[in-house]
Amino acid sequence: IVGEGTGVWNFTHVEDAAEAVSLSLEGPQGIYNIVNDIASEMAVWLPAYARFLKAPEPLQRSVKEELLINGPTSVFRATEMRGASNEKAERDLGFLPRPLQWL
């Protein structure tokens, strides 16, 4: 977890992605975000995923350390990224993502 871990992420189950492709073939043309309904901060989802995998708790790293090791893109994703909305896909395509078992 970098800094406060405030970067917001969404996830997509592979079967949801396949279903969305199928729905989009018959739905209105457009660009759709195909993600789950729960956007979650890194500080929330990463420990939950580690527990699900029965892995050790994630390590903490300062923003400065992360910049030196992996650069600004990694820092952005971990601290500033904002989640996506699937509202358009739900409304126009009838897309309903499954809940993530591990979150």
N, C-alpha and C. Protein backbone atom coordinates (compact mmCIF):
# COMPACT_ATOMS: atom_id res chain seq x y z
N ILE A 1 0.87 -1.16 0.00
CA ILE A 1 0.00 0.00 0.00
C ILE A 1 0.91 1.22 0.00
N VAL A 2 0.66 2.11 -0.91
CA VAL A 2 1.49 3.29 -1.05
C VAL A 2 0.80 4.47 -0.37
N GLY A 3 1.54 5.17 0.47
CA GLY A 3 0.97 6.31 1.18
C GLY A 3 -0.24 5.88 1.98
N GLU A 4 -1.34 6.61 1.81
CA GLU A 4 -2.59 6.27 2.49
C GLU A 4 -3.42 5.25 1.70
N GLY A 5 -2.96 4.88 0.51
CA GLY A 5 -3.69 3.90 -0.30
C GLY A 5 -5.05 4.39 -0.75
N THR A 6 -5.13 5.67 -1.14
CA THR A 6 -6.42 6.27 -1.47
C THR A 6 -6.80 6.18 -2.95
N GLY A 7 -5.97 5.52 -3.76
CA GLY A 7 -6.34 5.30 -5.16
C GLY A 7 -7.53 4.36 -5.22
N VAL A 8 -8.53 4.70 -6.03
CA VAL A 8 -9.78 3.94 -6.10
C VAL A 8 -9.78 3.05 -7.33
N TRP A 9 -10.07 1.78 -7.12
CA TRP A 9 -10.04 0.77 -8.18
C TRP A 9 -11.40 0.10 -8.33
N ASN A 10 -11.65 -0.39 -9.53
CA ASN A 10 -12.77 -1.29 -9.81
C ASN A 10 -12.18 -2.57 -10.39
N PHE A 11 -12.94 -3.62 -10.32
CA PHE A 11 -12.50 -4.90 -10.87
C PHE A 11 -13.59 -5.47 -11.76
N THR A 12 -13.21 -6.41 -12.60
CA THR A 12 -14.15 -7.05 -13.52
C THR A 12 -13.91 -8.54 -13.51
N HIS A 13 -14.94 -9.29 -13.25
CA HIS A 13 -14.86 -10.74 -13.35
C HIS A 13 -14.82 -11.10 -14.83
N VAL A 14 -14.03 -12.08 -15.20
CA VAL A 14 -13.87 -12.45 -16.61
C VAL A 14 -15.21 -12.84 -17.24
N GLU A 15 -16.08 -13.50 -16.48
CA GLU A 15 -17.38 -13.87 -17.03
C GLU A 15 -18.28 -12.64 -17.23
N ASP A 16 -18.12 -11.63 -16.37
CA ASP A 16 -18.85 -10.38 -16.58
C ASP A 16 -18.38 -9.70 -17.86
N ALA A 17 -17.08 -9.72 -18.10
CA ALA A 17 -16.56 -9.11 -19.33
C ALA A 17 -17.13 -9.81 -20.56
N ALA A 18 -17.17 -11.14 -20.53
CA ALA A 18 -17.72 -11.89 -21.66
C ALA A 18 -19.21 -11.59 -21.84
N GLU A 19 -19.94 -11.52 -20.74
CA GLU A 19 -21.37 -11.20 -20.83
C GLU A 19 -21.58 -9.81 -21.41
N ALA A 20 -20.76 -8.86 -20.99
CA ALA A 20 -20.89 -7.49 -21.50
C ALA A 20 -20.64 -7.42 -23.00
N VAL A 21 -19.68 -8.18 -23.49
CA VAL A 21 -19.44 -8.22 -24.93
C VAL A 21 -20.68 -8.74 -25.64
N SER A 22 -21.25 -9.81 -25.12
CA SER A 22 -22.46 -10.37 -25.71
C SER A 22 -23.61 -9.37 -25.70
N LEU A 23 -23.83 -8.71 -24.56
CA LEU A 23 -24.89 -7.70 -24.46
C LEU A 23 -24.67 -6.54 -25.41
N SER A 24 -23.41 -6.15 -25.59
CA SER A 24 -23.12 -4.99 -26.43
C SER A 24 -23.35 -5.26 -27.91
N LEU A 25 -23.33 -6.52 -28.31
CA LEU A 25 -23.56 -6.85 -29.72
C LEU A 25 -24.99 -6.53 -30.14
N GLU A 26 -25.91 -6.58 -29.18
CA GLU A 26 -27.31 -6.30 -29.50
C GLU A 26 -27.81 -4.99 -28.90
N GLY A 27 -26.99 -4.34 -28.10
CA GLY A 27 -27.40 -3.10 -27.45
C GLY A 27 -27.00 -1.89 -28.27
N PRO A 28 -27.29 -0.72 -27.73
CA PRO A 28 -26.90 0.51 -28.42
C PRO A 28 -25.39 0.62 -28.56
N GLN A 29 -24.95 1.14 -29.71
CA GLN A 29 -23.52 1.36 -29.89
C GLN A 29 -23.04 2.41 -28.90
N GLY A 30 -21.83 2.23 -28.44
CA GLY A 30 -21.27 3.20 -27.51
C GLY A 30 -20.06 2.65 -26.80
N ILE A 31 -19.53 3.45 -25.92
CA ILE A 31 -18.39 3.07 -25.10
C ILE A 31 -18.91 2.83 -23.69
N TYR A 32 -18.55 1.69 -23.12
CA TYR A 32 -19.08 1.30 -21.82
C TYR A 32 -17.94 0.93 -20.88
N ASN A 33 -18.07 1.31 -19.62
CA ASN A 33 -17.18 0.81 -18.58
C ASN A 33 -17.79 -0.48 -18.05
N ILE A 34 -17.03 -1.54 -18.12
CA ILE A 34 -17.50 -2.83 -17.61
C ILE A 34 -16.69 -3.13 -16.37
N VAL A 35 -17.27 -2.78 -15.23
CA VAL A 35 -16.61 -2.94 -13.94
C VAL A 35 -17.65 -3.38 -12.91
N ASN A 36 -17.15 -3.80 -11.75
CA ASN A 36 -18.08 -4.16 -10.68
C ASN A 36 -18.71 -2.89 -10.09
N ASP A 37 -19.68 -3.08 -9.20
CA ASP A 37 -20.40 -1.94 -8.63
C ASP A 37 -19.66 -1.25 -7.49
N ILE A 38 -18.63 -1.86 -6.97
CA ILE A 38 -17.98 -1.32 -5.78
C ILE A 38 -16.58 -0.82 -6.13
N ALA A 39 -16.44 0.49 -6.20
CA ALA A 39 -15.11 1.09 -6.35
C ALA A 39 -14.51 1.15 -4.96
N SER A 40 -13.27 0.72 -4.83
CA SER A 40 -12.68 0.55 -3.51
C SER A 40 -11.26 1.09 -3.47
N GLU A 41 -10.93 1.76 -2.37
CA GLU A 41 -9.57 2.28 -2.21
C GLU A 41 -8.58 1.13 -2.03
N MET A 42 -7.36 1.36 -2.52
CA MET A 42 -6.31 0.35 -2.40
C MET A 42 -6.14 -0.13 -0.96
N ALA A 43 -6.24 0.79 0.00
CA ALA A 43 -6.07 0.43 1.41
C ALA A 43 -7.17 -0.52 1.90
N VAL A 44 -8.28 -0.61 1.15
CA VAL A 44 -9.37 -1.53 1.49
C VAL A 44 -9.24 -2.83 0.70
N TRP A 45 -9.12 -2.72 -0.64
CA TRP A 45 -9.18 -3.93 -1.46
C TRP A 45 -7.92 -4.79 -1.36
N LEU A 46 -6.75 -4.17 -1.25
CA LEU A 46 -5.53 -4.98 -1.24
C LEU A 46 -5.44 -5.89 -0.01
N PRO A 47 -5.72 -5.41 1.21
CA PRO A 47 -5.73 -6.32 2.36
C PRO A 47 -6.82 -7.40 2.25
N ALA A 48 -7.99 -7.02 1.70
CA ALA A 48 -9.07 -8.00 1.53
C ALA A 48 -8.65 -9.10 0.56
N TYR A 49 -8.00 -8.72 -0.52
CA TYR A 49 -7.54 -9.71 -1.50
C TYR A 49 -6.46 -10.60 -0.89
N ALA A 50 -5.56 -10.01 -0.12
CA ALA A 50 -4.52 -10.81 0.54
C ALA A 50 -5.16 -11.83 1.49
N ARG A 51 -6.16 -11.40 2.27
CA ARG A 51 -6.85 -12.34 3.17
C ARG A 51 -7.51 -13.46 2.38
N PHE A 52 -8.17 -13.11 1.27
CA PHE A 52 -8.84 -14.10 0.43
C PHE A 52 -7.85 -15.15 -0.08
N LEU A 53 -6.65 -14.70 -0.42
CA LEU A 53 -5.60 -15.61 -0.91
C LEU A 53 -4.83 -16.29 0.22
N LYS A 54 -5.16 -15.92 1.47
CA LYS A 54 -4.41 -16.40 2.64
C LYS A 54 -2.93 -16.02 2.53
N ALA A 55 -2.71 -14.83 2.01
CA ALA A 55 -1.36 -14.28 1.85
C ALA A 55 -1.07 -13.32 3.01
N PRO A 56 0.18 -12.96 3.22
CA PRO A 56 0.50 -11.97 4.26
C PRO A 56 -0.15 -10.62 3.97
N GLU A 57 -0.33 -9.84 5.02
CA GLU A 57 -0.84 -8.47 4.85
C GLU A 57 0.11 -7.71 3.93
N PRO A 58 -0.43 -6.82 3.10
CA PRO A 58 0.44 -6.05 2.20
C PRO A 58 1.36 -5.12 2.97
N LEU A 59 2.52 -4.89 2.41
CA LEU A 59 3.48 -3.98 3.00
C LEU A 59 3.06 -2.54 2.72
N GLN A 60 3.53 -1.63 3.54
CA GLN A 60 3.32 -0.20 3.35
C GLN A 60 4.58 0.40 2.73
N ARG A 61 4.38 1.38 1.88
CA ARG A 61 5.52 2.07 1.27
C ARG A 61 5.15 3.55 1.20
N SER A 62 6.09 4.41 1.46
CA SER A 62 5.83 5.86 1.35
C SER A 62 5.74 6.24 -0.12
N VAL A 63 5.11 7.38 -0.37
CA VAL A 63 5.02 7.90 -1.73
C VAL A 63 6.42 8.13 -2.28
N LYS A 64 7.31 8.67 -1.47
CA LYS A 64 8.68 8.94 -1.91
C LYS A 64 9.38 7.64 -2.32
N GLU A 65 9.24 6.59 -1.50
CA GLU A 65 9.86 5.29 -1.84
C GLU A 65 9.28 4.74 -3.14
N GLU A 66 7.96 4.83 -3.30
CA GLU A 66 7.33 4.31 -4.51
C GLU A 66 7.77 5.07 -5.75
N LEU A 67 7.91 6.38 -5.63
CA LEU A 67 8.40 7.18 -6.76
C LEU A 67 9.79 6.70 -7.20
N LEU A 68 10.66 6.46 -6.24
CA LEU A 68 12.01 6.01 -6.56
C LEU A 68 12.03 4.61 -7.15
N ILE A 69 11.19 3.73 -6.66
CA ILE A 69 11.21 2.33 -7.09
C ILE A 69 10.42 2.11 -8.39
N ASN A 70 9.20 2.62 -8.46
CA ASN A 70 8.32 2.31 -9.59
C ASN A 70 7.84 3.51 -10.40
N GLY A 71 8.10 4.72 -9.92
CA GLY A 71 7.77 5.90 -10.70
C GLY A 71 6.39 6.48 -10.47
N PRO A 72 6.09 7.57 -11.17
CA PRO A 72 4.87 8.33 -10.92
C PRO A 72 3.56 7.63 -11.30
N THR A 73 3.58 6.78 -12.29
CA THR A 73 2.35 6.08 -12.67
C THR A 73 1.89 5.18 -11.54
N SER A 74 2.81 4.48 -10.92
CA SER A 74 2.47 3.61 -9.80
C SER A 74 1.92 4.42 -8.63
N VAL A 75 2.55 5.57 -8.35
CA VAL A 75 2.07 6.43 -7.27
C VAL A 75 0.66 6.93 -7.58
N PHE A 76 0.42 7.34 -8.81
CA PHE A 76 -0.91 7.81 -9.21
C PHE A 76 -1.95 6.72 -8.97
N ARG A 77 -1.69 5.52 -9.44
CA ARG A 77 -2.65 4.42 -9.29
C ARG A 77 -2.92 4.09 -7.82
N ALA A 78 -1.91 4.21 -7.01
CA ALA A 78 -2.05 3.85 -5.59
C ALA A 78 -2.66 4.96 -4.75
N THR A 79 -2.56 6.21 -5.20
CA THR A 79 -2.96 7.31 -4.32
C THR A 79 -3.99 8.27 -4.91
N GLU A 80 -4.13 8.32 -6.24
CA GLU A 80 -5.00 9.34 -6.84
C GLU A 80 -6.04 8.80 -7.82
N MET A 81 -5.85 7.61 -8.34
CA MET A 81 -6.76 7.08 -9.34
C MET A 81 -8.19 7.04 -8.80
N ARG A 82 -9.14 7.31 -9.66
CA ARG A 82 -10.55 7.30 -9.28
C ARG A 82 -11.25 6.16 -9.99
N GLY A 83 -12.17 5.53 -9.33
CA GLY A 83 -12.90 4.40 -9.89
C GLY A 83 -13.79 4.80 -11.05
N ALA A 84 -14.26 3.79 -11.74
CA ALA A 84 -15.13 3.99 -12.90
C ALA A 84 -16.57 3.65 -12.53
N SER A 85 -17.49 4.14 -13.32
CA SER A 85 -18.91 3.85 -13.13
C SER A 85 -19.40 2.96 -14.27
N ASN A 86 -20.19 1.97 -13.93
CA ASN A 86 -20.79 1.11 -14.95
C ASN A 86 -22.25 1.47 -15.18
N GLU A 87 -22.66 2.63 -14.72
CA GLU A 87 -24.07 3.04 -14.79
C GLU A 87 -24.62 2.95 -16.21
N LYS A 88 -23.87 3.41 -17.19
CA LYS A 88 -24.34 3.40 -18.58
C LYS A 88 -24.55 1.97 -19.06
N ALA A 89 -23.63 1.07 -18.74
CA ALA A 89 -23.77 -0.33 -19.15
C ALA A 89 -24.96 -0.99 -18.47
N GLU A 90 -25.17 -0.67 -17.20
CA GLU A 90 -26.34 -1.21 -16.50
C GLU A 90 -27.63 -0.70 -17.12
N ARG A 91 -27.68 0.59 -17.40
CA ARG A 91 -28.89 1.22 -17.95
C ARG A 91 -29.16 0.78 -19.39
N ASP A 92 -28.14 0.88 -20.26
CA ASP A 92 -28.36 0.65 -21.68
C ASP A 92 -28.29 -0.81 -22.10
N LEU A 93 -27.48 -1.60 -21.41
CA LEU A 93 -27.28 -2.99 -21.81
C LEU A 93 -27.95 -4.00 -20.86
N GLY A 94 -28.37 -3.53 -19.70
CA GLY A 94 -28.89 -4.46 -18.69
C GLY A 94 -27.78 -5.24 -18.01
N PHE A 95 -26.57 -4.70 -18.05
CA PHE A 95 -25.41 -5.37 -17.44
C PHE A 95 -25.53 -5.34 -15.92
N LEU A 96 -25.39 -6.50 -15.30
CA LEU A 96 -25.42 -6.62 -13.84
C LEU A 96 -24.20 -7.42 -13.39
N PRO A 97 -23.18 -6.75 -12.86
CA PRO A 97 -21.97 -7.46 -12.46
C PRO A 97 -22.20 -8.30 -11.20
N ARG A 98 -21.48 -9.37 -11.13
CA ARG A 98 -21.54 -10.22 -9.93
C ARG A 98 -20.70 -9.60 -8.82
N PRO A 99 -21.06 -9.83 -7.58
CA PRO A 99 -20.22 -9.33 -6.48
C PRO A 99 -18.89 -10.09 -6.44
N LEU A 100 -17.86 -9.42 -6.03
CA LEU A 100 -16.56 -10.08 -5.90
C LEU A 100 -16.52 -10.84 -4.58
N GLN A 101 -16.19 -12.12 -4.64
CA GLN A 101 -16.20 -12.96 -3.44
C GLN A 101 -15.20 -12.48 -2.42
N TRP A 102 -14.11 -11.91 -2.86
CA TRP A 102 -13.04 -11.57 -1.95
C TRP A 102 -13.14 -10.18 -1.36
N LEU A 103 -14.05 -9.35 -1.86
CA LEU A 103 -14.13 -7.97 -1.38
C LEU A 103 -15.28 -7.81 -0.41
